[in-house]
């Protein structure tokens, strides 16, 4: 019986890789967090406009304070919950918009610079791959571009690497391009950074590390050997900076992988619990706001059936 229970509650290896190791669990949490922010702003506005008579929330709050027993103590709690929701959502969206606008300006500036780079063709996986040659002294390879990512390499990298090492590097970057990892990593980091949930600020770094590990596995599988990629990693300047909205075999990758090795898992149990508790707390406050500002509580606290909208 014990073996049967273990079998029923154990994830298949493919599911573990998809949700945990590939970073999809973090993406799901980031999407849920953004939906919570939108709902936390939309629900209070809807309650304040449609559920408040004559659109006079101040008068309604004063009446609730003066006649708390008759009107119901949940009115005060409802307005307090509405204020908390709207305040948190406004701050979270403000942070996301501020950092997002700043990153987009940097991405656009980098795009203009990269647009002037020379385009060449390199071979990987038996086909020609269009690659942009960027004028950088460091040996770097990265994919950049949010909607249409492209692969960039430097002349220094071409001089250092053998043909097999270069092919492994290109296959790694192709995996990023196919899955639009620059856009996915940027959005996850932007959302997670803006939520202000405890213990979750580093999940964006963990997500980037998971995507790098996924690209490594893809390149090694297509090559049939992981040695060329491992040798290539020793020839890349890992301390070179990564432009915003990009994925590269440079400092961001190394920082992400070191962070994951330090924590032991791409998504630790504490971080998952913190994200779930944060979303549950938002949902609970939303339910309290809805109950306090609608007629539902009048049936509990008003014996004569007086409506809250009266």
C-alpha atoms as a PDB file:
ATOM      1  CA  UNK A   1       0.000   0.000   0.000  1.00  0.00           C
ATOM      2  CA  UNK A   2       2.822   2.399   0.770  1.00  0.00           C
ATOM      3  CA  UNK A   3       4.403   1.830  -2.635  1.00  0.00           C
ATOM      4  CA  UNK A   4       1.030   2.442  -4.300  1.00  0.00           C
ATOM      5  CA  UNK A   5       0.594   5.774  -2.486  1.00  0.00           C
ATOM      6  CA  UNK A   6       4.092   6.886  -3.440  1.00  0.00           C
ATOM      7  CA  UNK A   7       3.401   5.982  -7.049  1.00  0.00           C
ATOM      8  CA  UNK A   8       0.116   7.910  -7.113  1.00  0.00           C
ATOM      9  CA  UNK A   9       1.654  11.095  -5.711  1.00  0.00           C
ATOM     10  CA  UNK A  10       4.896  11.047  -7.705  1.00  0.00           C
ATOM     11  CA  UNK A  11       5.121  13.215 -10.825  1.00  0.00           C
ATOM     12  CA  UNK A  12       6.247  11.509 -14.021  1.00  0.00           C
ATOM     13  CA  UNK A  13       9.750  12.496 -15.076  1.00  0.00           C
ATOM     14  CA  UNK A  14       8.435  14.346 -18.140  1.00  0.00           C
ATOM     15  CA  UNK A  15       6.040  16.416 -16.007  1.00  0.00           C
ATOM     16  CA  UNK A  16       8.790  17.267 -13.529  1.00  0.00           C
ATOM     17  CA  UNK A  17      10.991  18.527 -16.327  1.00  0.00           C
ATOM     18  CA  UNK A  18       8.202  20.530 -17.962  1.00  0.00           C
ATOM     19  CA  UNK A  19       6.955  22.259 -14.815  1.00  0.00           C
ATOM     20  CA  UNK A  20       9.992  22.517 -12.553  1.00  0.00           C
ATOM     21  CA  UNK A  21      13.209  22.220 -14.476  1.00  0.00           C
ATOM     22  CA  UNK A  22      12.096  24.160 -17.536  1.00  0.00           C
ATOM     23  CA  UNK A  23      10.725  27.051 -15.496  1.00  0.00           C
ATOM     24  CA  UNK A  24       7.071  26.701 -16.561  1.00  0.00           C
ATOM     25  CA  UNK A  25       5.940  26.602 -12.928  1.00  0.00           C
ATOM     26  CA  UNK A  26       7.492  30.033 -12.395  1.00  0.00           C
ATOM     27  CA  UNK A  27       5.848  31.315 -15.563  1.00  0.00           C
ATOM     28  CA  UNK A  28       2.477  30.054 -14.309  1.00  0.00           C
ATOM     29  CA  UNK A  29       3.019  31.821 -10.980  1.00  0.00           C
ATOM     30  CA  UNK A  30       3.999  35.062 -12.732  1.00  0.00           C
ATOM     31  CA  UNK A  31       0.889  34.920 -14.933  1.00  0.00           C
ATOM     32  CA  UNK A  32      -1.304  34.282 -11.881  1.00  0.00           C
ATOM     33  CA  UNK A  33       0.364  37.189 -10.098  1.00  0.00           C
ATOM     34  CA  UNK A  34      -0.335  39.589 -12.967  1.00  0.00           C
ATOM     35  CA  UNK A  35      -3.968  38.441 -13.140  1.00  0.00           C
ATOM     36  CA  UNK A  36      -4.232  39.032  -9.389  1.00  0.00           C
ATOM     37  CA  UNK A  37      -2.888  42.575  -9.813  1.00  0.00           C
ATOM     38  CA  UNK A  38      -5.394  43.346 -12.574  1.00  0.00           C
ATOM     39  CA  UNK A  39      -8.280  41.888 -10.559  1.00  0.00           C
ATOM     40  CA  UNK A  40      -7.138  43.711  -7.416  1.00  0.00           C
ATOM     41  CA  UNK A  41      -7.483  47.001  -9.291  1.00  0.00           C
ATOM     42  CA  UNK A  42     -10.593  46.182 -11.336  1.00  0.00           C
ATOM     43  CA  UNK A  43     -12.732  44.713  -8.539  1.00  0.00           C
ATOM     44  CA  UNK A  44     -12.426  47.700  -6.127  1.00  0.00           C
ATOM     45  CA  UNK A  45     -13.146  50.152  -8.952  1.00  0.00           C
ATOM     46  CA  UNK A  46     -16.204  48.124  -9.973  1.00  0.00           C
ATOM     47  CA  UNK A  47     -17.440  47.940  -6.386  1.00  0.00           C
ATOM     48  CA  UNK A  48     -16.905  51.650  -5.807  1.00  0.00           C
ATOM     49  CA  UNK A  49     -18.739  52.642  -8.992  1.00  0.00           C
ATOM     50  CA  UNK A  50     -21.602  50.155  -9.211  1.00  0.00           C
ATOM     51  CA  UNK A  51     -22.235  49.138  -5.611  1.00  0.00           C
ATOM     52  CA  UNK A  52     -22.104  52.586  -4.011  1.00  0.00           C
ATOM     53  CA  UNK A  53     -25.332  54.625  -4.243  1.00  0.00           C
ATOM     54  CA  UNK A  54     -24.931  57.938  -6.048  1.00  0.00           C
ATOM     55  CA  UNK A  55     -21.194  57.193  -6.299  1.00  0.00           C
ATOM     56  CA  UNK A  56     -20.580  58.695  -2.834  1.00  0.00           C
ATOM     57  CA  UNK A  57     -18.105  56.342  -1.130  1.00  0.00           C
ATOM     58  CA  UNK A  58     -17.182  58.899   1.555  1.00  0.00           C
ATOM     59  CA  UNK A  59     -20.790  59.358   2.668  1.00  0.00           C
ATOM     60  CA  UNK A  60     -21.315  55.616   2.623  1.00  0.00           C
ATOM     61  CA  UNK A  61     -18.245  55.047   4.766  1.00  0.00           C
ATOM     62  CA  UNK A  62     -19.377  57.677   7.280  1.00  0.00           C
ATOM     63  CA  UNK A  63     -22.816  56.079   7.474  1.00  0.00           C
ATOM     64  CA  UNK A  64     -21.215  52.695   8.012  1.00  0.00           C
ATOM     65  CA  UNK A  65     -19.132  54.036  10.874  1.00  0.00           C
ATOM     66  CA  UNK A  66     -22.128  55.761  12.489  1.00  0.00           C
ATOM     67  CA  UNK A  67     -24.494  52.793  12.135  1.00  0.00           C
ATOM     68  CA  UNK A  68     -22.088  49.864  12.193  1.00  0.00           C
ATOM     69  CA  UNK A  69     -24.382  47.505  14.064  1.00  0.00           C
ATOM     70  CA  UNK A  70     -27.404  48.146  11.872  1.00  0.00           C
ATOM     71  CA  UNK A  71     -25.624  48.369   8.539  1.00  0.00           C
ATOM     72  CA  UNK A  72     -23.107  45.687   9.344  1.00  0.00           C
ATOM     73  CA  UNK A  73     -19.455  45.855  10.481  1.00  0.00           C
ATOM     74  CA  UNK A  74     -18.338  44.285   7.195  1.00  0.00           C
ATOM     75  CA  UNK A  75     -18.929  47.629   5.482  1.00  0.00           C
ATOM     76  CA  UNK A  76     -15.887  49.123   7.193  1.00  0.00           C
ATOM     77  CA  UNK A  77     -13.868  45.979   6.510  1.00  0.00           C
ATOM     78  CA  UNK A  78     -15.030  46.064   2.893  1.00  0.00           C
ATOM     79  CA  UNK A  79     -13.800  49.598   2.360  1.00  0.00           C
ATOM     80  CA  UNK A  80     -10.542  48.816   4.125  1.00  0.00           C
ATOM     81  CA  UNK A  81     -10.024  45.758   1.951  1.00  0.00           C
ATOM     82  CA  UNK A  82     -10.833  47.769  -1.162  1.00  0.00           C
ATOM     83  CA  UNK A  83      -8.225  50.351  -0.205  1.00  0.00           C
ATOM     84  CA  UNK A  84      -5.583  47.677   0.418  1.00  0.00           C
ATOM     85  CA  UNK A  85      -6.285  45.983  -2.915  1.00  0.00           C
ATOM     86  CA  UNK A  86      -6.264  49.196  -4.916  1.00  0.00           C
ATOM     87  CA  UNK A  87      -3.119  50.446  -3.198  1.00  0.00           C
ATOM     88  CA  UNK A  88      -1.163  47.233  -3.749  1.00  0.00           C
ATOM     89  CA  UNK A  89      -2.304  46.908  -7.360  1.00  0.00           C
ATOM     90  CA  UNK A  90      -1.430  50.526  -8.113  1.00  0.00           C
ATOM     91  CA  UNK A  91       2.053  50.175  -6.652  1.00  0.00           C
ATOM     92  CA  UNK A  92       2.676  46.860  -8.428  1.00  0.00           C
ATOM     93  CA  UNK A  93       1.510  48.180 -11.798  1.00  0.00           C
ATOM     94  CA  UNK A  94       3.464  51.394 -11.255  1.00  0.00           C
ATOM     95  CA  UNK A  95       6.661  49.474 -10.586  1.00  0.00           C
ATOM     96  CA  UNK A  96       6.071  47.226 -13.592  1.00  0.00           C
ATOM     97  CA  UNK A  97       5.381  50.162 -15.902  1.00  0.00           C
ATOM     98  CA  UNK A  98       8.369  52.145 -14.639  1.00  0.00           C
ATOM     99  CA  UNK A  99      10.852  49.312 -14.986  1.00  0.00           C
ATOM    100  CA  UNK A 100       9.251  48.046 -18.199  1.00  0.00           C
ATOM    101  CA  UNK A 101       9.485  51.472 -19.831  1.00  0.00           C
ATOM    102  CA  UNK A 102      13.105  51.818 -18.742  1.00  0.00           C
ATOM    103  CA  UNK A 103      13.983  48.378 -20.118  1.00  0.00           C
ATOM    104  CA  UNK A 104      12.167  49.018 -23.396  1.00  0.00           C
ATOM    105  CA  UNK A 105      14.154  52.212 -23.929  1.00  0.00           C
ATOM    106  CA  UNK A 106      17.392  50.279 -23.381  1.00  0.00           C
ATOM    107  CA  UNK A 107      16.208  47.431 -25.639  1.00  0.00           C
ATOM    108  CA  UNK A 108      15.289  49.869 -28.402  1.00  0.00           C
ATOM    109  CA  UNK A 109      18.671  51.597 -28.115  1.00  0.00           C
ATOM    110  CA  UNK A 110      20.474  48.272 -28.272  1.00  0.00           C
ATOM    111  CA  UNK A 111      18.320  47.251 -31.246  1.00  0.00           C
ATOM    112  CA  UNK A 112      19.430  50.311 -33.202  1.00  0.00           C
ATOM    113  CA  UNK A 113      23.061  49.503 -32.475  1.00  0.00           C
ATOM    114  CA  UNK A 114      22.665  45.830 -33.351  1.00  0.00           C
ATOM    115  CA  UNK A 115      20.768  46.717 -36.520  1.00  0.00           C
ATOM    116  CA  UNK A 116      23.963  48.185 -37.935  1.00  0.00           C
ATOM    117  CA  UNK A 117      25.867  44.941 -37.388  1.00  0.00           C
ATOM    118  CA  UNK A 118      26.944  42.721 -40.242  1.00  0.00           C
ATOM    119  CA  UNK A 119      24.864  39.641 -41.051  1.00  0.00           C
ATOM    120  CA  UNK A 120      26.675  36.415 -41.812  1.00  0.00           C
ATOM    121  CA  UNK A 121      25.736  32.752 -42.141  1.00  0.00           C
ATOM    122  CA  UNK A 122      27.085  29.946 -39.995  1.00  0.00           C
ATOM    123  CA  UNK A 123      26.254  26.261 -40.168  1.00  0.00           C
ATOM    124  CA  UNK A 124      24.703  24.264 -37.351  1.00  0.00           C
ATOM    125  CA  UNK A 125      22.608  21.126 -37.427  1.00  0.00           C
ATOM    126  CA  UNK A 126      23.190  20.711 -41.157  1.00  0.00           C
ATOM    127  CA  UNK A 127      21.665  24.066 -42.135  1.00  0.00           C
ATOM    128  CA  UNK A 128      22.709  27.674 -42.586  1.00  0.00           C
ATOM    129  CA  UNK A 129      21.899  29.957 -39.652  1.00  0.00           C
ATOM    130  CA  UNK A 130      21.715  33.750 -40.110  1.00  0.00           C
ATOM    131  CA  UNK A 131      23.806  35.391 -37.398  1.00  0.00           C
ATOM    132  CA  UNK A 132      24.587  39.016 -36.607  1.00  0.00           C
ATOM    133  CA  UNK A 133      28.255  39.861 -36.046  1.00  0.00           C
ATOM    134  CA  UNK A 134      28.509  42.510 -33.323  1.00  0.00           C
ATOM    135  CA  UNK A 135      31.618  44.619 -32.849  1.00  0.00           C
ATOM    136  CA  UNK A 136      32.568  43.648 -29.296  1.00  0.00           C
ATOM    137  CA  UNK A 137      36.002  42.896 -27.866  1.00  0.00           C
ATOM    138  CA  UNK A 138      34.636  40.191 -25.560  1.00  0.00           C
ATOM    139  CA  UNK A 139      33.872  36.668 -26.751  1.00  0.00           C
ATOM    140  CA  UNK A 140      30.084  36.551 -26.432  1.00  0.00           C
ATOM    141  CA  UNK A 141      27.090  34.786 -27.936  1.00  0.00           C
ATOM    142  CA  UNK A 142      23.515  35.717 -27.138  1.00  0.00           C
ATOM    143  CA  UNK A 143      20.014  35.930 -28.578  1.00  0.00           C
ATOM    144  CA  UNK A 144      18.189  39.265 -28.364  1.00  0.00           C
ATOM    145  CA  UNK A 145      14.874  40.690 -29.481  1.00  0.00           C
ATOM    146  CA  UNK A 146      11.501  40.422 -27.800  1.00  0.00           C
ATOM    147  CA  UNK A 147       9.184  39.688 -30.721  1.00  0.00           C
ATOM    148  CA  UNK A 148      11.688  38.499 -33.330  1.00  0.00           C
ATOM    149  CA  UNK A 149      14.796  37.314 -31.505  1.00  0.00           C
ATOM    150  CA  UNK A 150      18.021  36.914 -33.442  1.00  0.00           C
ATOM    151  CA  UNK A 151      21.418  35.401 -32.688  1.00  0.00           C
ATOM    152  CA  UNK A 152      24.467  37.618 -32.124  1.00  0.00           C
ATOM    153  CA  UNK A 153      28.111  36.605 -31.850  1.00  0.00           C
ATOM    154  CA  UNK A 154      31.343  38.565 -31.636  1.00  0.00           C
ATOM    155  CA  UNK A 155      34.451  38.173 -33.845  1.00  0.00           C
ATOM    156  CA  UNK A 156      36.471  37.239 -30.762  1.00  0.00           C
ATOM    157  CA  UNK A 157      34.206  34.239 -30.200  1.00  0.00           C
ATOM    158  CA  UNK A 158      34.637  33.060 -33.802  1.00  0.00           C
ATOM    159  CA  UNK A 159      38.426  33.183 -33.429  1.00  0.00           C
ATOM    160  CA  UNK A 160      38.434  31.198 -30.188  1.00  0.00           C
ATOM    161  CA  UNK A 161      36.063  28.349 -30.996  1.00  0.00           C
ATOM    162  CA  UNK A 162      36.418  25.256 -33.123  1.00  0.00           C
ATOM    163  CA  UNK A 163      33.702  24.299 -35.612  1.00  0.00           C
ATOM    164  CA  UNK A 164      32.055  21.791 -33.249  1.00  0.00           C
ATOM    165  CA  UNK A 165      32.123  24.240 -30.351  1.00  0.00           C
ATOM    166  CA  UNK A 166      30.610  26.952 -32.528  1.00  0.00           C
ATOM    167  CA  UNK A 167      27.897  24.582 -33.697  1.00  0.00           C
ATOM    168  CA  UNK A 168      26.990  23.687 -30.108  1.00  0.00           C
ATOM    169  CA  UNK A 169      26.843  27.373 -29.216  1.00  0.00           C
ATOM    170  CA  UNK A 170      24.564  28.139 -32.153  1.00  0.00           C
ATOM    171  CA  UNK A 171      22.260  25.235 -31.306  1.00  0.00           C
ATOM    172  CA  UNK A 172      22.039  26.576 -27.768  1.00  0.00           C
ATOM    173  CA  UNK A 173      21.036  30.017 -29.039  1.00  0.00           C
ATOM    174  CA  UNK A 174      18.612  28.537 -31.585  1.00  0.00           C
ATOM    175  CA  UNK A 175      16.786  26.864 -28.687  1.00  0.00           C
ATOM    176  CA  UNK A 176      16.379  30.313 -27.098  1.00  0.00           C
ATOM    177  CA  UNK A 177      15.121  31.841 -30.346  1.00  0.00           C
ATOM    178  CA  UNK A 178      12.570  29.105 -31.029  1.00  0.00           C
ATOM    179  CA  UNK A 179      11.030  29.416 -27.573  1.00  0.00           C
ATOM    180  CA  UNK A 180      11.262  33.231 -27.472  1.00  0.00           C
ATOM    181  CA  UNK A 181      13.226  33.029 -24.244  1.00  0.00           C
ATOM    182  CA  UNK A 182      14.345  36.699 -24.290  1.00  0.00           C
ATOM    183  CA  UNK A 183      10.701  37.811 -24.104  1.00  0.00           C
ATOM    184  CA  UNK A 184       9.693  35.121 -21.606  1.00  0.00           C
ATOM    185  CA  UNK A 185      12.597  35.790 -19.245  1.00  0.00           C
ATOM    186  CA  UNK A 186      12.063  39.544 -19.408  1.00  0.00           C
ATOM    187  CA  UNK A 187       8.331  39.316 -18.647  1.00  0.00           C
ATOM    188  CA  UNK A 188       8.796  36.846 -15.778  1.00  0.00           C
ATOM    189  CA  UNK A 189      11.500  38.962 -14.148  1.00  0.00           C
ATOM    190  CA  UNK A 190       9.432  42.124 -14.614  1.00  0.00           C
ATOM    191  CA  UNK A 191       6.284  40.624 -13.033  1.00  0.00           C
ATOM    192  CA  UNK A 192       8.016  38.807 -10.168  1.00  0.00           C
ATOM    193  CA  UNK A 193       9.991  41.949  -9.307  1.00  0.00           C
ATOM    194  CA  UNK A 194       6.809  44.037  -9.197  1.00  0.00           C
ATOM    195  CA  UNK A 195       4.597  41.813  -6.987  1.00  0.00           C
ATOM    196  CA  UNK A 196       6.374  42.455  -3.680  1.00  0.00           C
ATOM    197  CA  UNK A 197       5.618  38.940  -2.467  1.00  0.00           C
ATOM    198  CA  UNK A 198       8.123  37.715   0.147  1.00  0.00           C
ATOM    199  CA  UNK A 199      10.783  35.167  -0.849  1.00  0.00           C
ATOM    200  CA  UNK A 200       9.944  35.392  -4.555  1.00  0.00           C
ATOM    201  CA  UNK A 201      12.254  38.141  -5.817  1.00  0.00           C
ATOM    202  CA  UNK A 202      14.905  35.662  -6.988  1.00  0.00           C
ATOM    203  CA  UNK A 203      12.464  33.478  -8.957  1.00  0.00           C
ATOM    204  CA  UNK A 204      13.179  35.521 -12.070  1.00  0.00           C
ATOM    205  CA  UNK A 205      16.826  34.499 -11.791  1.00  0.00           C
ATOM    206  CA  UNK A 206      15.786  30.882 -11.247  1.00  0.00           C
ATOM    207  CA  UNK A 207      13.578  31.029 -14.331  1.00  0.00           C
ATOM    208  CA  UNK A 208      16.468  32.313 -16.440  1.00  0.00           C
ATOM    209  CA  UNK A 209      18.683  29.514 -15.151  1.00  0.00           C
ATOM    210  CA  UNK A 210      16.011  26.944 -16.012  1.00  0.00           C
ATOM    211  CA  UNK A 211      15.767  28.280 -19.562  1.00  0.00           C
ATOM    212  CA  UNK A 212      19.568  28.167 -19.919  1.00  0.00           C
ATOM    213  CA  UNK A 213      19.629  24.566 -18.718  1.00  0.00           C
ATOM    214  CA  UNK A 214      16.856  23.734 -21.201  1.00  0.00           C
ATOM    215  CA  UNK A 215      18.843  25.271 -24.062  1.00  0.00           C
ATOM    216  CA  UNK A 216      21.961  23.370 -22.944  1.00  0.00           C
ATOM    217  CA  UNK A 217      20.048  20.090 -22.981  1.00  0.00           C
ATOM    218  CA  UNK A 218      18.618  20.828 -26.411  1.00  0.00           C
ATOM    219  CA  UNK A 219      22.029  21.626 -27.899  1.00  0.00           C
ATOM    220  CA  UNK A 220      23.644  18.525 -26.372  1.00  0.00           C
ATOM    221  CA  UNK A 221      20.818  16.328 -27.651  1.00  0.00           C
ATOM    222  CA  UNK A 222      21.113  17.621 -31.221  1.00  0.00           C
ATOM    223  CA  UNK A 223      24.904  17.279 -31.151  1.00  0.00           C
ATOM    224  CA  UNK A 224      24.728  13.806 -29.622  1.00  0.00           C
ATOM    225  CA  UNK A 225      27.577  14.845 -27.322  1.00  0.00           C
ATOM    226  CA  UNK A 226      27.807  17.407 -24.526  1.00  0.00           C
ATOM    227  CA  UNK A 227      31.580  17.927 -24.712  1.00  0.00           C
ATOM    228  CA  UNK A 228      31.571  20.603 -27.471  1.00  0.00           C
ATOM    229  CA  UNK A 229      29.140  22.761 -25.470  1.00  0.00           C
ATOM    230  CA  UNK A 230      31.117  22.324 -22.255  1.00  0.00           C
ATOM    231  CA  UNK A 231      34.318  23.279 -24.049  1.00  0.00           C
ATOM    232  CA  UNK A 232      32.586  26.293 -25.598  1.00  0.00           C
ATOM    233  CA  UNK A 233      31.495  27.530 -22.183  1.00  0.00           C
ATOM    234  CA  UNK A 234      35.146  27.782 -21.122  1.00  0.00           C
ATOM    235  CA  UNK A 235      35.878  30.045 -24.089  1.00  0.00           C
ATOM    236  CA  UNK A 236      33.044  32.510 -23.553  1.00  0.00           C
ATOM    237  CA  UNK A 237      33.745  35.649 -21.539  1.00  0.00           C
ATOM    238  CA  UNK A 238      31.251  34.952 -18.751  1.00  0.00           C
ATOM    239  CA  UNK A 239      31.761  38.374 -17.168  1.00  0.00           C
ATOM    240  CA  UNK A 240      30.541  40.216 -20.257  1.00  0.00           C
ATOM    241  CA  UNK A 241      27.230  42.043 -19.658  1.00  0.00           C
ATOM    242  CA  UNK A 242      24.000  40.816 -21.217  1.00  0.00           C
ATOM    243  CA  UNK A 243      21.825  43.448 -22.932  1.00  0.00           C
ATOM    244  CA  UNK A 244      18.251  43.828 -21.611  1.00  0.00           C
ATOM    245  CA  UNK A 245      15.749  41.525 -23.243  1.00  0.00           C
ATOM    246  CA  UNK A 246      18.316  38.907 -24.193  1.00  0.00           C
ATOM    247  CA  UNK A 247      19.593  35.474 -23.216  1.00  0.00           C
ATOM    248  CA  UNK A 248      23.325  34.834 -23.394  1.00  0.00           C
ATOM    249  CA  UNK A 249      26.139  32.592 -22.239  1.00  0.00           C
ATOM    250  CA  UNK A 250      27.586  35.409 -20.140  1.00  0.00           C
ATOM    251  CA  UNK A 251      27.375  36.910 -16.677  1.00  0.00           C
ATOM    252  CA  UNK A 252      23.578  36.664 -16.298  1.00  0.00           C
ATOM    253  CA  UNK A 253      23.731  32.967 -17.088  1.00  0.00           C
ATOM    254  CA  UNK A 254      26.535  32.340 -14.606  1.00  0.00           C
ATOM    255  CA  UNK A 255      24.844  34.369 -11.900  1.00  0.00           C
ATOM    256  CA  UNK A 256      21.584  32.491 -12.420  1.00  0.00           C
ATOM    257  CA  UNK A 257      23.211  29.073 -12.367  1.00  0.00           C
ATOM    258  CA  UNK A 258      25.231  29.893  -9.232  1.00  0.00           C
ATOM    259  CA  UNK A 259      22.055  31.085  -7.525  1.00  0.00           C
ATOM    260  CA  UNK A 260      20.240  27.876  -8.380  1.00  0.00           C
ATOM    261  CA  UNK A 261      23.170  25.731  -7.241  1.00  0.00           C
ATOM    262  CA  UNK A 262      23.182  27.656  -3.943  1.00  0.00           C
ATOM    263  CA  UNK A 263      19.455  27.040  -3.362  1.00  0.00           C
ATOM    264  CA  UNK A 264      19.552  23.489  -4.663  1.00  0.00           C
ATOM    265  CA  UNK A 265      16.379  23.668  -6.792  1.00  0.00           C
ATOM    266  CA  UNK A 266      15.122  25.943  -9.531  1.00  0.00           C
ATOM    267  CA  UNK A 267      11.966  26.511  -7.494  1.00  0.00           C
ATOM    268  CA  UNK A 268      12.315  25.851  -3.788  1.00  0.00           C
ATOM    269  CA  UNK A 269       9.384  24.721  -1.653  1.00  0.00           C
ATOM    270  CA  UNK A 270       9.495  27.950   0.376  1.00  0.00           C
ATOM    271  CA  UNK A 271       9.212  30.102  -2.734  1.00  0.00           C
ATOM    272  CA  UNK A 272       6.293  28.063  -4.082  1.00  0.00           C
ATOM    273  CA  UNK A 273       4.496  28.305  -0.740  1.00  0.00           C
ATOM    274  CA  UNK A 274       5.150  32.049  -0.539  1.00  0.00           C
ATOM    275  CA  UNK A 275       3.719  32.607  -4.010  1.00  0.00           C
ATOM    276  CA  UNK A 276       0.619  30.515  -3.261  1.00  0.00           C
ATOM    277  CA  UNK A 277       0.086  32.233   0.097  1.00  0.00           C
ATOM    278  CA  UNK A 278       0.473  35.649  -1.503  1.00  0.00           C
ATOM    279  CA  UNK A 279      -2.134  34.894  -4.165  1.00  0.00           C
ATOM    280  CA  UNK A 280      -4.451  33.343  -1.552  1.00  0.00           C
ATOM    281  CA  UNK A 281      -4.131  36.453   0.621  1.00  0.00           C
ATOM    282  CA  UNK A 282      -5.114  38.674  -2.319  1.00  0.00           C
ATOM    283  CA  UNK A 283      -8.099  36.418  -3.065  1.00  0.00           C
ATOM    284  CA  UNK A 284      -9.208  36.514   0.599  1.00  0.00           C
ATOM    285  CA  UNK A 285      -9.052  40.320   0.742  1.00  0.00           C
ATOM    286  CA  UNK A 286     -10.971  40.501  -2.527  1.00  0.00           C
ATOM    287  CA  UNK A 287     -13.706  38.253  -1.112  1.00  0.00           C
ATOM    288  CA  UNK A 288     -13.885  40.402   2.031  1.00  0.00           C
ATOM    289  CA  UNK A 289     -14.204  43.569  -0.043  1.00  0.00           C
ATOM    290  CA  UNK A 290     -16.984  42.045  -2.127  1.00  0.00           C
ATOM    291  CA  UNK A 291     -18.862  40.803   0.939  1.00  0.00           C
ATOM    292  CA  UNK A 292     -18.543  44.125   2.734  1.00  0.00           C
ATOM    293  CA  UNK A 293     -19.696  46.348  -0.120  1.00  0.00           C
ATOM    294  CA  UNK A 294     -22.614  44.326  -1.467  1.00  0.00           C
ATOM    295  CA  UNK A 295     -26.011  43.360  -0.135  1.00  0.00           C
ATOM    296  CA  UNK A 296     -24.831  39.916   0.920  1.00  0.00           C
ATOM    297  CA  UNK A 297     -24.026  40.988   4.460  1.00  0.00           C
ATOM    298  CA  UNK A 298     -27.396  42.695   5.000  1.00  0.00           C
ATOM    299  CA  UNK A 299     -28.983  39.265   5.319  1.00  0.00           C
ATOM    300  CA  UNK A 300     -26.606  38.467   8.181  1.00  0.00           C
ATOM    301  CA  UNK A 301     -26.651  41.708  10.179  1.00  0.00           C
ATOM    302  CA  UNK A 302     -29.961  43.424   9.318  1.00  0.00           C
ATOM    303  CA  UNK A 303     -32.892  41.554  10.920  1.00  0.00           C
ATOM    304  CA  UNK A 304     -35.474  43.693   9.138  1.00  0.00           C
ATOM    305  CA  UNK A 305     -33.966  42.868   5.748  1.00  0.00           C
ATOM    306  CA  UNK A 306     -32.782  46.436   5.079  1.00  0.00           C
ATOM    307  CA  UNK A 307     -30.717  46.547   1.912  1.00  0.00           C
ATOM    308  CA  UNK A 308     -27.217  47.937   1.931  1.00  0.00           C
ATOM    309  CA  UNK A 309     -28.092  49.926  -1.194  1.00  0.00           C
ATOM    310  CA  UNK A 310     -31.042  51.661   0.443  1.00  0.00           C
END
